[in-house]
Amino acid sequence: EPFLARWLEPLHSRLEVAPPPAWHAYLSLPFGILVGTLGLAWLLSALFPSLQLRKGLHALMSPFAGFHISNPYGLFAVMTTERPEIIIEGSEDGRNWKAYEFKYKPGRLDRAPPFVAPHQPRLDWQMWFAALGSYENNRWIQNLLVRLLKNEKSVIALLAENPFSEKPPRMIRASLYKYNFAASGSGDWWVREPRGDYSPTLERTGDD
C-alpha cells in the first residue's frame, strides 16, 4: 500500500463532507441547458454555414460572450472564406515588373501547393496574415521591401526565386490578389483577380 495513502487515510476519515445546498440543484439544470444550447449553437454555426444562422446565433450568444462559458475551440475555430495573397514585384523602369517567388505560399499560377508539414515556413505564413490586414499595420512588410531593394542576402535566402540576382531593382511594390483554385484540366493550379495596390511603390535612390 502506498505510503501517502496510509498517511492520508486517518485524515480522510476525520473529514466530514457536507452535502451541497439545495439551491445548487435548482441552478444546475438551467445552467446546463444554457451551456448546452450555446455549445449547440456554435456547432450548428460551424457545420451548417449555409443556413444563415449567424445573425440569430450572435444575438443569442453575445450576452454571454464575456463569461466565456462556451467557445469554438480550435487553433482556427473561425476560418476565412477567401484567399488574398500579396505579390511582390521589382522593376528597373517602372513599366516592366518581375515577381519574387516565395518558397511555399501561392505565387505563379502553374505552381502546385507544396507539402510543408511538419515544417512551419514563418515568412510565408506571416504573408498570409499580412494580406488580411493593411500595409500600414504591418511594419515588417515595409522592412521586407526595403531589404529586397538592397538584395540583402539574409532576406533573399528566404525566397525561392530572385529575379534580380545580379543587380537589385530600382523600384519595388506589393499588390494584392484574390486566389482561387483553377478548374481541372486548365493546366494551372490557380486563378487570381487583382485587388489593387497593397503598398506604395518604393524607389531606390543613388547607388545604395
N, C-alpha and C. Protein backbone atom coordinates (compact mmCIF):
# COMPACT_ATOMS: atom_id res chain seq x y z
N GLU A 1 0.86 -1.20 0.00
CA GLU A 1 0.00 0.00 0.00
C GLU A 1 0.89 1.23 0.00
N PRO A 2 0.63 2.17 -0.83
CA PRO A 2 1.50 3.35 -0.90
C PRO A 2 1.53 4.10 0.43
N PHE A 3 2.71 4.64 0.73
CA PHE A 3 2.88 5.37 1.99
C PHE A 3 1.94 6.56 2.09
N LEU A 4 1.77 7.31 0.97
CA LEU A 4 0.93 8.50 1.00
C LEU A 4 -0.52 8.15 1.31
N ALA A 5 -1.01 7.02 0.75
CA ALA A 5 -2.39 6.62 1.01
C ALA A 5 -2.58 6.26 2.48
N ARG A 6 -1.59 5.56 3.09
CA ARG A 6 -1.70 5.22 4.52
C ARG A 6 -1.66 6.47 5.39
N TRP A 7 -0.89 7.46 4.94
CA TRP A 7 -0.76 8.69 5.72
C TRP A 7 -2.04 9.54 5.65
N LEU A 8 -2.71 9.51 4.51
CA LEU A 8 -3.91 10.33 4.32
C LEU A 8 -5.18 9.67 4.85
N GLU A 9 -5.15 8.35 5.02
CA GLU A 9 -6.37 7.65 5.42
C GLU A 9 -6.94 8.15 6.75
N PRO A 10 -6.11 8.33 7.80
CA PRO A 10 -6.70 8.85 9.05
C PRO A 10 -7.27 10.25 8.88
N LEU A 11 -6.60 11.08 8.08
CA LEU A 11 -7.10 12.44 7.86
C LEU A 11 -8.43 12.41 7.13
N HIS A 12 -8.54 11.55 6.14
CA HIS A 12 -9.77 11.46 5.35
C HIS A 12 -10.93 10.97 6.19
N SER A 13 -10.63 10.05 7.12
CA SER A 13 -11.70 9.50 7.95
C SER A 13 -12.27 10.54 8.90
N ARG A 14 -11.49 11.58 9.24
CA ARG A 14 -11.96 12.62 10.16
C ARG A 14 -12.71 13.75 9.43
N LEU A 15 -12.60 13.78 8.10
CA LEU A 15 -13.26 14.84 7.36
C LEU A 15 -14.73 14.51 7.13
N GLU A 16 -15.56 15.49 7.30
CA GLU A 16 -16.98 15.34 7.04
C GLU A 16 -17.33 16.20 5.83
N VAL A 17 -17.77 15.55 4.78
CA VAL A 17 -18.13 16.26 3.56
C VAL A 17 -19.60 16.62 3.63
N ALA A 18 -19.86 17.94 3.66
CA ALA A 18 -21.24 18.41 3.76
C ALA A 18 -21.94 18.28 2.41
N PRO A 19 -23.18 17.87 2.41
CA PRO A 19 -23.92 17.80 1.14
C PRO A 19 -24.12 19.19 0.56
N PRO A 20 -24.18 19.31 -0.76
CA PRO A 20 -24.37 20.63 -1.36
C PRO A 20 -25.73 21.21 -0.98
N PRO A 21 -25.81 22.53 -0.88
CA PRO A 21 -27.11 23.13 -0.56
C PRO A 21 -28.13 22.86 -1.65
N ALA A 22 -29.40 22.94 -1.26
CA ALA A 22 -30.48 22.59 -2.19
C ALA A 22 -30.51 23.48 -3.41
N TRP A 23 -30.09 24.77 -3.25
CA TRP A 23 -30.18 25.68 -4.38
C TRP A 23 -29.22 25.32 -5.51
N HIS A 24 -28.19 24.51 -5.20
CA HIS A 24 -27.29 24.05 -6.26
C HIS A 24 -28.04 23.24 -7.31
N ALA A 25 -28.94 22.38 -6.83
CA ALA A 25 -29.68 21.53 -7.76
C ALA A 25 -30.60 22.35 -8.65
N TYR A 26 -31.17 23.41 -8.09
CA TYR A 26 -32.08 24.24 -8.88
C TYR A 26 -31.32 25.05 -9.94
N LEU A 27 -30.07 25.41 -9.65
CA LEU A 27 -29.27 26.18 -10.61
C LEU A 27 -28.59 25.30 -11.64
N SER A 28 -28.27 24.07 -11.28
CA SER A 28 -27.51 23.20 -12.18
C SER A 28 -28.27 22.92 -13.47
N LEU A 29 -29.57 22.66 -13.36
CA LEU A 29 -30.34 22.32 -14.55
C LEU A 29 -30.42 23.47 -15.55
N PRO A 30 -30.83 24.69 -15.14
CA PRO A 30 -30.88 25.78 -16.14
C PRO A 30 -29.49 26.15 -16.67
N PHE A 31 -28.47 26.06 -15.80
CA PHE A 31 -27.11 26.37 -16.27
C PHE A 31 -26.65 25.34 -17.30
N GLY A 32 -26.96 24.07 -17.05
CA GLY A 32 -26.61 23.03 -18.00
C GLY A 32 -27.33 23.21 -19.34
N ILE A 33 -28.60 23.62 -19.27
CA ILE A 33 -29.35 23.86 -20.50
C ILE A 33 -28.75 25.03 -21.27
N LEU A 34 -28.34 26.09 -20.54
CA LEU A 34 -27.75 27.25 -21.18
C LEU A 34 -26.44 26.89 -21.89
N VAL A 35 -25.55 26.18 -21.18
CA VAL A 35 -24.26 25.80 -21.77
C VAL A 35 -24.47 24.87 -22.95
N GLY A 36 -25.40 23.92 -22.81
CA GLY A 36 -25.68 23.00 -23.92
C GLY A 36 -26.23 23.72 -25.13
N THR A 37 -27.10 24.71 -24.90
CA THR A 37 -27.68 25.46 -26.02
C THR A 37 -26.61 26.28 -26.74
N LEU A 38 -25.74 26.95 -25.95
CA LEU A 38 -24.68 27.74 -26.57
C LEU A 38 -23.70 26.85 -27.33
N GLY A 39 -23.36 25.69 -26.76
CA GLY A 39 -22.47 24.77 -27.45
C GLY A 39 -23.08 24.26 -28.74
N LEU A 40 -24.38 23.95 -28.71
CA LEU A 40 -25.06 23.50 -29.92
C LEU A 40 -25.11 24.61 -30.96
N ALA A 41 -25.26 25.86 -30.49
CA ALA A 41 -25.30 26.99 -31.43
C ALA A 41 -23.96 27.13 -32.15
N TRP A 42 -22.85 27.01 -31.42
CA TRP A 42 -21.53 27.06 -32.05
C TRP A 42 -21.38 25.94 -33.07
N LEU A 43 -21.83 24.73 -32.70
CA LEU A 43 -21.68 23.57 -33.57
C LEU A 43 -22.48 23.74 -34.86
N LEU A 44 -23.73 24.19 -34.73
CA LEU A 44 -24.56 24.39 -35.91
C LEU A 44 -23.98 25.47 -36.83
N SER A 45 -23.43 26.52 -36.21
CA SER A 45 -22.84 27.60 -36.99
C SER A 45 -21.65 27.11 -37.79
N ALA A 46 -20.87 26.19 -37.20
CA ALA A 46 -19.67 25.67 -37.89
C ALA A 46 -20.02 24.64 -38.95
N LEU A 47 -21.01 23.78 -38.67
CA LEU A 47 -21.33 22.68 -39.57
C LEU A 47 -22.24 23.09 -40.73
N PHE A 48 -23.08 24.10 -40.48
CA PHE A 48 -24.06 24.48 -41.50
C PHE A 48 -24.03 25.99 -41.75
N PRO A 49 -22.91 26.49 -42.29
CA PRO A 49 -22.82 27.94 -42.53
C PRO A 49 -23.84 28.44 -43.55
N SER A 50 -24.29 27.55 -44.43
CA SER A 50 -25.23 27.97 -45.46
C SER A 50 -26.63 28.24 -44.92
N LEU A 51 -26.89 27.86 -43.68
CA LEU A 51 -28.23 28.06 -43.12
C LEU A 51 -28.46 29.49 -42.63
N GLN A 52 -27.44 30.33 -42.73
CA GLN A 52 -27.57 31.74 -42.35
C GLN A 52 -28.06 31.89 -40.91
N LEU A 53 -27.42 31.13 -40.03
CA LEU A 53 -27.82 31.17 -38.62
C LEU A 53 -27.04 32.20 -37.83
N ARG A 54 -26.01 32.79 -38.44
CA ARG A 54 -25.07 33.58 -37.65
C ARG A 54 -25.72 34.78 -36.97
N LYS A 55 -26.64 35.44 -37.65
CA LYS A 55 -27.25 36.63 -37.05
C LYS A 55 -28.03 36.27 -35.80
N GLY A 56 -28.85 35.22 -35.89
CA GLY A 56 -29.60 34.79 -34.72
C GLY A 56 -28.72 34.24 -33.63
N LEU A 57 -27.67 33.48 -34.03
CA LEU A 57 -26.77 32.92 -33.04
C LEU A 57 -25.98 34.00 -32.33
N HIS A 58 -25.61 35.03 -33.08
CA HIS A 58 -24.88 36.13 -32.47
C HIS A 58 -25.74 36.82 -31.41
N ALA A 59 -27.01 37.03 -31.72
CA ALA A 59 -27.91 37.64 -30.75
C ALA A 59 -28.07 36.77 -29.52
N LEU A 60 -28.04 35.44 -29.72
CA LEU A 60 -28.18 34.52 -28.60
C LEU A 60 -26.93 34.48 -27.73
N MET A 61 -25.75 34.50 -28.38
CA MET A 61 -24.50 34.28 -27.65
C MET A 61 -23.86 35.55 -27.12
N SER A 62 -24.11 36.69 -27.74
CA SER A 62 -23.41 37.91 -27.35
C SER A 62 -23.61 38.30 -25.88
N PRO A 63 -24.80 38.12 -25.26
CA PRO A 63 -24.92 38.49 -23.84
C PRO A 63 -24.03 37.66 -22.93
N PHE A 64 -23.63 36.47 -23.39
CA PHE A 64 -22.85 35.58 -22.54
C PHE A 64 -21.38 35.51 -22.95
N ALA A 65 -21.01 36.25 -24.00
CA ALA A 65 -19.65 36.14 -24.53
C ALA A 65 -18.60 36.51 -23.49
N GLY A 66 -18.89 37.52 -22.68
CA GLY A 66 -17.90 37.96 -21.69
C GLY A 66 -17.61 36.95 -20.61
N PHE A 67 -18.51 35.99 -20.41
CA PHE A 67 -18.30 34.98 -19.37
C PHE A 67 -17.46 33.79 -19.87
N HIS A 68 -17.32 33.68 -21.19
CA HIS A 68 -16.51 32.61 -21.79
C HIS A 68 -16.93 31.23 -21.31
N ILE A 69 -18.24 31.00 -21.23
CA ILE A 69 -18.72 29.69 -20.79
C ILE A 69 -18.93 28.75 -21.96
N SER A 70 -18.86 29.25 -23.17
CA SER A 70 -18.98 28.40 -24.36
C SER A 70 -18.19 29.06 -25.48
N ASN A 71 -17.32 28.28 -26.11
CA ASN A 71 -16.42 28.84 -27.11
C ASN A 71 -16.20 27.85 -28.24
N PRO A 72 -15.86 28.35 -29.44
CA PRO A 72 -15.45 27.44 -30.51
C PRO A 72 -13.99 27.08 -30.32
N TYR A 73 -13.69 25.89 -29.86
CA TYR A 73 -12.33 25.52 -29.54
C TYR A 73 -11.59 25.07 -30.80
N GLY A 74 -10.34 25.44 -30.87
CA GLY A 74 -9.51 25.03 -32.00
C GLY A 74 -8.56 26.13 -32.38
N LEU A 75 -7.46 25.75 -33.03
CA LEU A 75 -6.46 26.72 -33.44
C LEU A 75 -7.06 27.70 -34.44
N PHE A 76 -7.91 27.18 -35.35
CA PHE A 76 -8.60 28.03 -36.32
C PHE A 76 -10.09 27.74 -36.23
N ALA A 77 -10.69 28.21 -35.15
CA ALA A 77 -12.11 27.97 -34.95
C ALA A 77 -12.95 28.72 -35.98
N VAL A 78 -12.44 29.88 -36.42
CA VAL A 78 -13.12 30.66 -37.46
C VAL A 78 -12.16 30.83 -38.62
N MET A 79 -12.57 30.39 -39.80
CA MET A 79 -11.69 30.45 -40.96
C MET A 79 -12.16 31.51 -41.95
N THR A 80 -11.22 32.05 -42.70
CA THR A 80 -11.57 32.98 -43.77
C THR A 80 -12.14 32.21 -44.96
N THR A 81 -12.96 32.86 -45.75
CA THR A 81 -13.58 32.20 -46.90
C THR A 81 -12.94 32.61 -48.21
N GLU A 82 -11.98 33.53 -48.19
CA GLU A 82 -11.25 33.93 -49.38
C GLU A 82 -9.76 33.82 -49.11
N ARG A 83 -8.97 33.77 -50.19
CA ARG A 83 -7.52 33.68 -50.03
C ARG A 83 -6.86 34.87 -50.71
N PRO A 84 -6.64 35.96 -49.97
CA PRO A 84 -5.88 37.07 -50.53
C PRO A 84 -4.39 36.76 -50.44
N GLU A 85 -3.65 37.17 -51.46
CA GLU A 85 -2.21 36.94 -51.49
C GLU A 85 -1.49 38.22 -51.89
N ILE A 86 -0.36 38.46 -51.25
CA ILE A 86 0.49 39.61 -51.58
C ILE A 86 1.55 39.16 -52.58
N ILE A 87 1.61 39.84 -53.71
CA ILE A 87 2.63 39.56 -54.72
C ILE A 87 3.59 40.74 -54.76
N ILE A 88 4.86 40.45 -54.55
CA ILE A 88 5.90 41.49 -54.54
C ILE A 88 6.63 41.47 -55.88
N GLU A 89 6.77 42.65 -56.47
CA GLU A 89 7.41 42.77 -57.78
C GLU A 89 8.45 43.89 -57.77
N GLY A 90 9.49 43.68 -58.56
CA GLY A 90 10.51 44.70 -58.72
C GLY A 90 10.61 45.14 -60.17
N SER A 91 11.19 46.32 -60.40
CA SER A 91 11.30 46.85 -61.76
C SER A 91 12.50 47.79 -61.84
N GLU A 92 13.03 47.87 -63.04
CA GLU A 92 14.10 48.82 -63.31
C GLU A 92 13.58 50.12 -63.89
N ASP A 93 12.45 50.06 -64.61
CA ASP A 93 11.97 51.24 -65.33
C ASP A 93 10.54 51.65 -64.95
N GLY A 94 9.89 50.90 -64.07
CA GLY A 94 8.52 51.24 -63.68
C GLY A 94 7.47 50.75 -64.66
N ARG A 95 7.89 50.09 -65.74
CA ARG A 95 6.94 49.56 -66.73
C ARG A 95 6.94 48.04 -66.76
N ASN A 96 8.13 47.47 -66.71
CA ASN A 96 8.27 46.01 -66.74
C ASN A 96 8.55 45.51 -65.32
N TRP A 97 7.64 44.68 -64.81
CA TRP A 97 7.74 44.22 -63.43
C TRP A 97 7.97 42.71 -63.39
N LYS A 98 8.84 42.29 -62.50
CA LYS A 98 9.13 40.87 -62.30
C LYS A 98 8.80 40.49 -60.87
N ALA A 99 8.10 39.35 -60.72
CA ALA A 99 7.63 38.94 -59.40
C ALA A 99 8.67 38.11 -58.66
N TYR A 100 8.77 38.32 -57.36
CA TYR A 100 9.55 37.45 -56.49
C TYR A 100 8.70 36.22 -56.16
N GLU A 101 9.32 35.06 -56.21
CA GLU A 101 8.60 33.81 -55.91
C GLU A 101 9.02 33.32 -54.52
N PHE A 102 8.02 33.07 -53.69
CA PHE A 102 8.29 32.56 -52.35
C PHE A 102 8.37 31.03 -52.38
N LYS A 103 8.93 30.46 -51.34
CA LYS A 103 9.15 29.02 -51.33
C LYS A 103 7.86 28.23 -51.15
N TYR A 104 6.92 28.77 -50.42
CA TYR A 104 5.77 27.96 -50.04
C TYR A 104 4.42 28.59 -50.40
N LYS A 105 4.28 29.89 -50.28
CA LYS A 105 2.96 30.49 -50.49
C LYS A 105 2.64 30.59 -51.99
N PRO A 106 1.35 30.69 -52.37
CA PRO A 106 0.99 30.79 -53.78
C PRO A 106 1.61 32.01 -54.45
N GLY A 107 2.03 31.83 -55.68
CA GLY A 107 2.60 32.90 -56.49
C GLY A 107 2.28 32.64 -57.94
N ARG A 108 3.20 31.93 -58.64
CA ARG A 108 2.94 31.55 -60.03
C ARG A 108 1.68 30.68 -60.12
N LEU A 109 0.91 30.92 -61.17
CA LEU A 109 -0.36 30.22 -61.30
C LEU A 109 -0.19 28.75 -61.63
N ASP A 110 0.94 28.36 -62.20
CA ASP A 110 1.14 26.96 -62.59
C ASP A 110 1.85 26.14 -61.52
N ARG A 111 2.08 26.73 -60.36
CA ARG A 111 2.83 26.04 -59.32
C ARG A 111 1.89 25.36 -58.33
N ALA A 112 2.11 24.06 -58.12
CA ALA A 112 1.27 23.29 -57.21
C ALA A 112 1.55 23.68 -55.76
N PRO A 113 0.55 23.65 -54.90
CA PRO A 113 0.79 23.92 -53.47
C PRO A 113 1.72 22.86 -52.89
N PRO A 114 2.78 23.25 -52.22
CA PRO A 114 3.73 22.26 -51.69
C PRO A 114 3.26 21.70 -50.35
N PHE A 115 3.77 20.52 -50.00
CA PHE A 115 3.57 19.96 -48.67
C PHE A 115 4.68 20.51 -47.77
N VAL A 116 4.32 21.03 -46.62
CA VAL A 116 5.32 21.65 -45.76
C VAL A 116 5.40 20.99 -44.38
N ALA A 117 4.34 20.32 -43.93
CA ALA A 117 4.32 19.75 -42.58
C ALA A 117 5.43 18.71 -42.42
N PRO A 118 6.09 18.69 -41.26
CA PRO A 118 5.82 19.50 -40.06
C PRO A 118 6.56 20.84 -40.03
N HIS A 119 7.22 21.21 -41.12
CA HIS A 119 7.91 22.49 -41.16
C HIS A 119 6.89 23.64 -41.11
N GLN A 120 7.26 24.72 -40.44
CA GLN A 120 6.40 25.91 -40.38
C GLN A 120 7.13 27.07 -41.04
N PRO A 121 6.84 27.36 -42.31
CA PRO A 121 7.55 28.45 -43.01
C PRO A 121 7.08 29.81 -42.50
N ARG A 122 7.86 30.41 -41.65
CA ARG A 122 7.38 31.59 -40.92
C ARG A 122 7.09 32.78 -41.83
N LEU A 123 7.98 33.08 -42.77
CA LEU A 123 7.77 34.24 -43.64
C LEU A 123 6.50 34.06 -44.48
N ASP A 124 6.37 32.92 -45.14
CA ASP A 124 5.21 32.68 -45.98
C ASP A 124 3.92 32.68 -45.14
N TRP A 125 4.01 32.16 -43.95
CA TRP A 125 2.87 32.13 -43.03
C TRP A 125 2.44 33.54 -42.65
N GLN A 126 3.41 34.38 -42.33
CA GLN A 126 3.10 35.75 -41.94
C GLN A 126 2.59 36.58 -43.12
N MET A 127 2.99 36.21 -44.33
CA MET A 127 2.49 36.92 -45.51
C MET A 127 0.98 36.74 -45.65
N TRP A 128 0.48 35.57 -45.25
CA TRP A 128 -0.96 35.33 -45.30
C TRP A 128 -1.69 36.25 -44.32
N PHE A 129 -1.17 36.37 -43.11
CA PHE A 129 -1.79 37.26 -42.14
C PHE A 129 -1.72 38.72 -42.59
N ALA A 130 -0.58 39.10 -43.19
CA ALA A 130 -0.43 40.47 -43.65
C ALA A 130 -1.45 40.80 -44.74
N ALA A 131 -1.76 39.81 -45.59
CA ALA A 131 -2.73 40.03 -46.66
C ALA A 131 -4.13 40.29 -46.12
N LEU A 132 -4.39 39.86 -44.90
CA LEU A 132 -5.70 40.10 -44.29
C LEU A 132 -5.79 41.48 -43.66
N GLY A 133 -4.64 42.16 -43.55
CA GLY A 133 -4.60 43.50 -42.96
C GLY A 133 -4.13 44.53 -43.96
N SER A 134 -3.49 45.56 -43.46
CA SER A 134 -3.05 46.66 -44.32
C SER A 134 -1.53 46.81 -44.25
N TYR A 135 -1.01 47.49 -45.24
CA TYR A 135 0.42 47.77 -45.30
C TYR A 135 0.86 48.60 -44.09
N GLU A 136 0.03 49.56 -43.71
CA GLU A 136 0.37 50.45 -42.60
C GLU A 136 0.45 49.70 -41.27
N ASN A 137 -0.34 48.63 -41.13
CA ASN A 137 -0.38 47.90 -39.86
C ASN A 137 0.60 46.74 -39.82
N ASN A 138 1.38 46.57 -40.87
CA ASN A 138 2.38 45.50 -40.90
C ASN A 138 3.73 46.11 -41.23
N ARG A 139 4.34 46.66 -40.21
CA ARG A 139 5.60 47.38 -40.40
C ARG A 139 6.69 46.47 -40.95
N TRP A 140 6.63 45.19 -40.63
CA TRP A 140 7.68 44.27 -41.08
C TRP A 140 7.63 44.11 -42.60
N ILE A 141 6.46 44.26 -43.22
CA ILE A 141 6.37 44.20 -44.68
C ILE A 141 7.15 45.37 -45.29
N GLN A 142 7.03 46.53 -44.69
CA GLN A 142 7.77 47.69 -45.17
C GLN A 142 9.28 47.41 -45.11
N ASN A 143 9.70 46.80 -44.03
CA ASN A 143 11.12 46.47 -43.88
C ASN A 143 11.54 45.42 -44.89
N LEU A 144 10.65 44.45 -45.16
CA LEU A 144 10.95 43.41 -46.15
C LEU A 144 11.18 44.02 -47.53
N LEU A 145 10.35 44.97 -47.94
CA LEU A 145 10.50 45.60 -49.25
C LEU A 145 11.81 46.37 -49.33
N VAL A 146 12.16 47.06 -48.27
CA VAL A 146 13.42 47.82 -48.26
C VAL A 146 14.61 46.87 -48.39
N ARG A 147 14.56 45.74 -47.69
CA ARG A 147 15.67 44.78 -47.77
C ARG A 147 15.79 44.17 -49.16
N LEU A 148 14.64 43.94 -49.81
CA LEU A 148 14.68 43.40 -51.17
C LEU A 148 15.25 44.43 -52.15
N LEU A 149 15.01 45.70 -51.89
CA LEU A 149 15.59 46.75 -52.73
C LEU A 149 17.11 46.75 -52.64
N LYS A 150 17.63 46.19 -51.55
CA LYS A 150 19.07 46.15 -51.35
C LYS A 150 19.66 44.78 -51.67
N ASN A 151 18.81 43.82 -52.08
CA ASN A 151 19.26 42.45 -52.31
C ASN A 151 19.99 41.88 -51.09
N GLU A 152 19.45 42.14 -49.93
CA GLU A 152 20.10 41.66 -48.71
C GLU A 152 20.09 40.13 -48.69
N LYS A 153 21.25 39.54 -48.53
CA LYS A 153 21.40 38.09 -48.67
C LYS A 153 20.54 37.31 -47.68
N SER A 154 20.46 37.77 -46.45
CA SER A 154 19.70 37.03 -45.44
C SER A 154 18.22 36.97 -45.77
N VAL A 155 17.72 37.99 -46.48
CA VAL A 155 16.31 38.02 -46.87
C VAL A 155 16.11 37.26 -48.17
N ILE A 156 17.01 37.44 -49.13
CA ILE A 156 16.92 36.73 -50.41
C ILE A 156 16.94 35.22 -50.19
N ALA A 157 17.65 34.76 -49.16
CA ALA A 157 17.75 33.33 -48.88
C ALA A 157 16.40 32.72 -48.48
N LEU A 158 15.45 33.56 -48.07
CA LEU A 158 14.13 33.07 -47.67
C LEU A 158 13.21 32.86 -48.86
N LEU A 159 13.63 33.28 -50.05
CA LEU A 159 12.79 33.21 -51.23
C LEU A 159 13.17 32.03 -52.12
N ALA A 160 12.24 31.66 -52.99
CA ALA A 160 12.51 30.58 -53.94
C ALA A 160 13.21 31.12 -55.19
N GLU A 161 12.81 32.30 -55.65
CA GLU A 161 13.38 32.88 -56.87
C GLU A 161 13.57 34.38 -56.67
N ASN A 162 14.75 34.86 -57.06
CA ASN A 162 15.05 36.28 -57.04
C ASN A 162 15.29 36.74 -58.47
N PRO A 163 14.35 37.45 -59.08
CA PRO A 163 14.51 37.86 -60.48
C PRO A 163 15.57 38.94 -60.67
N PHE A 164 16.13 39.41 -59.57
CA PHE A 164 17.16 40.46 -59.66
C PHE A 164 18.42 39.99 -58.93
N SER A 165 18.85 38.79 -59.26
CA SER A 165 20.01 38.21 -58.57
C SER A 165 21.31 38.94 -58.88
N GLU A 166 21.42 39.51 -60.08
CA GLU A 166 22.66 40.18 -60.46
C GLU A 166 22.71 41.62 -59.97
N LYS A 167 21.56 42.28 -59.92
CA LYS A 167 21.51 43.68 -59.51
C LYS A 167 20.14 43.94 -58.90
N PRO A 168 20.07 44.60 -57.75
CA PRO A 168 18.76 44.86 -57.13
C PRO A 168 17.92 45.79 -58.00
N PRO A 169 16.61 45.70 -57.88
CA PRO A 169 15.72 46.54 -58.71
C PRO A 169 15.80 48.00 -58.29
N ARG A 170 15.37 48.87 -59.17
CA ARG A 170 15.31 50.29 -58.85
C ARG A 170 14.03 50.60 -58.07
N MET A 171 12.96 49.84 -58.36
CA MET A 171 11.67 50.07 -57.70
C MET A 171 11.09 48.74 -57.24
N ILE A 172 10.24 48.81 -56.23
CA ILE A 172 9.59 47.60 -55.72
C ILE A 172 8.19 47.98 -55.26
N ARG A 173 7.26 47.02 -55.39
CA ARG A 173 5.87 47.26 -54.98
C ARG A 173 5.26 45.94 -54.52
N ALA A 174 4.14 46.05 -53.83
CA ALA A 174 3.37 44.88 -53.40
C ALA A 174 1.93 45.08 -53.82
N SER A 175 1.37 44.09 -54.50
CA SER A 175 -0.02 44.14 -54.96
C SER A 175 -0.81 43.03 -54.30
N LEU A 176 -2.12 43.23 -54.20
CA LEU A 176 -2.99 42.25 -53.57
C LEU A 176 -3.83 41.55 -54.63
N TYR A 177 -3.92 40.22 -54.52
CA TYR A 177 -4.72 39.41 -55.43
C TYR A 177 -5.60 38.46 -54.63
N LYS A 178 -6.72 38.13 -55.21
CA LYS A 178 -7.57 37.08 -54.66
C LYS A 178 -7.31 35.81 -55.45
N TYR A 179 -6.86 34.76 -54.75
CA TYR A 179 -6.54 33.49 -55.38
C TYR A 179 -7.68 32.48 -55.19
N ASN A 180 -7.90 31.67 -56.23
CA ASN A 180 -8.81 30.53 -56.17
C ASN A 180 -8.17 29.37 -56.92
N PHE A 181 -8.59 28.16 -56.60
CA PHE A 181 -8.10 27.01 -57.36
C PHE A 181 -8.65 27.07 -58.78
N ALA A 182 -7.82 26.72 -59.73
CA ALA A 182 -8.22 26.72 -61.14
C ALA A 182 -9.07 25.48 -61.44
N ALA A 183 -9.82 25.55 -62.52
CA ALA A 183 -10.63 24.43 -62.95
C ALA A 183 -9.74 23.27 -63.39
N SER A 184 -10.22 22.06 -63.16
CA SER A 184 -9.47 20.87 -63.55
C SER A 184 -9.25 20.86 -65.07
N GLY A 185 -8.01 20.53 -65.45
CA GLY A 185 -7.69 20.45 -66.87
C GLY A 185 -7.24 21.75 -67.49
N SER A 186 -7.17 22.81 -66.71
CA SER A 186 -6.77 24.11 -67.26
C SER A 186 -5.26 24.22 -67.45
N GLY A 187 -4.52 23.35 -66.79
CA GLY A 187 -3.06 23.42 -66.86
C GLY A 187 -2.45 24.25 -65.76
N ASP A 188 -3.26 25.02 -65.03
CA ASP A 188 -2.79 25.82 -63.90
C ASP A 188 -3.41 25.31 -62.61
N TRP A 189 -2.78 25.68 -61.51
CA TRP A 189 -3.31 25.36 -60.20
C TRP A 189 -4.18 26.48 -59.65
N TRP A 190 -3.90 27.71 -60.10
CA TRP A 190 -4.57 28.86 -59.51
C TRP A 190 -5.14 29.77 -60.59
N VAL A 191 -6.17 30.50 -60.23
CA VAL A 191 -6.61 31.69 -60.96
C VAL A 191 -6.63 32.82 -59.94
N ARG A 192 -6.44 34.04 -60.42
CA ARG A 192 -6.40 35.16 -59.46
C ARG A 192 -7.03 36.40 -60.05
N GLU A 193 -7.52 37.24 -59.15
CA GLU A 193 -8.12 38.51 -59.52
C GLU A 193 -7.37 39.64 -58.81
N PRO A 194 -6.99 40.70 -59.52
CA PRO A 194 -6.30 41.81 -58.86
C PRO A 194 -7.24 42.55 -57.91
N ARG A 195 -6.72 42.90 -56.75
CA ARG A 195 -7.49 43.63 -55.76
C ARG A 195 -6.88 45.00 -55.44
N GLY A 196 -5.93 45.44 -56.26
CA GLY A 196 -5.35 46.76 -56.07
C GLY A 196 -3.99 46.72 -55.41
N ASP A 197 -3.47 47.90 -55.14
CA ASP A 197 -2.15 48.03 -54.51
C ASP A 197 -2.22 47.66 -53.04
N TYR A 198 -1.20 46.93 -52.60
CA TYR A 198 -1.07 46.67 -51.16
C TYR A 198 -0.14 47.68 -50.53
N SER A 199 0.85 48.11 -51.29
CA SER A 199 1.83 49.08 -50.76
C SER A 199 2.08 50.15 -51.81
N PRO A 200 2.61 51.29 -51.39
CA PRO A 200 3.09 52.25 -52.38
C PRO A 200 4.35 51.70 -53.05
N THR A 201 4.67 52.23 -54.20
CA THR A 201 5.90 51.84 -54.89
C THR A 201 7.08 52.52 -54.22
N LEU A 202 8.06 51.71 -53.81
CA LEU A 202 9.27 52.24 -53.20
C LEU A 202 10.36 52.31 -54.25
N GLU A 203 11.17 53.35 -54.19
CA GLU A 203 12.22 53.53 -55.20
C GLU A 203 13.56 53.73 -54.52
N ARG A 204 14.55 53.05 -55.05
CA ARG A 204 15.91 53.18 -54.53
C ARG A 204 16.58 54.37 -55.22
N THR A 205 17.19 55.19 -54.42
CA THR A 205 17.88 56.37 -54.98
C THR A 205 19.38 56.19 -54.85
N GLY A 206 20.12 56.76 -55.79
CA GLY A 206 21.58 56.64 -55.75
C GLY A 206 22.04 55.25 -56.09
N ASP A 207 23.20 54.88 -55.64
CA ASP A 207 23.77 53.56 -55.93
C ASP A 207 23.73 52.63 -54.73
N ASP A 208 23.02 53.07 -53.65
CA ASP A 208 22.97 52.23 -52.45
C ASP A 208 21.99 51.10 -52.63
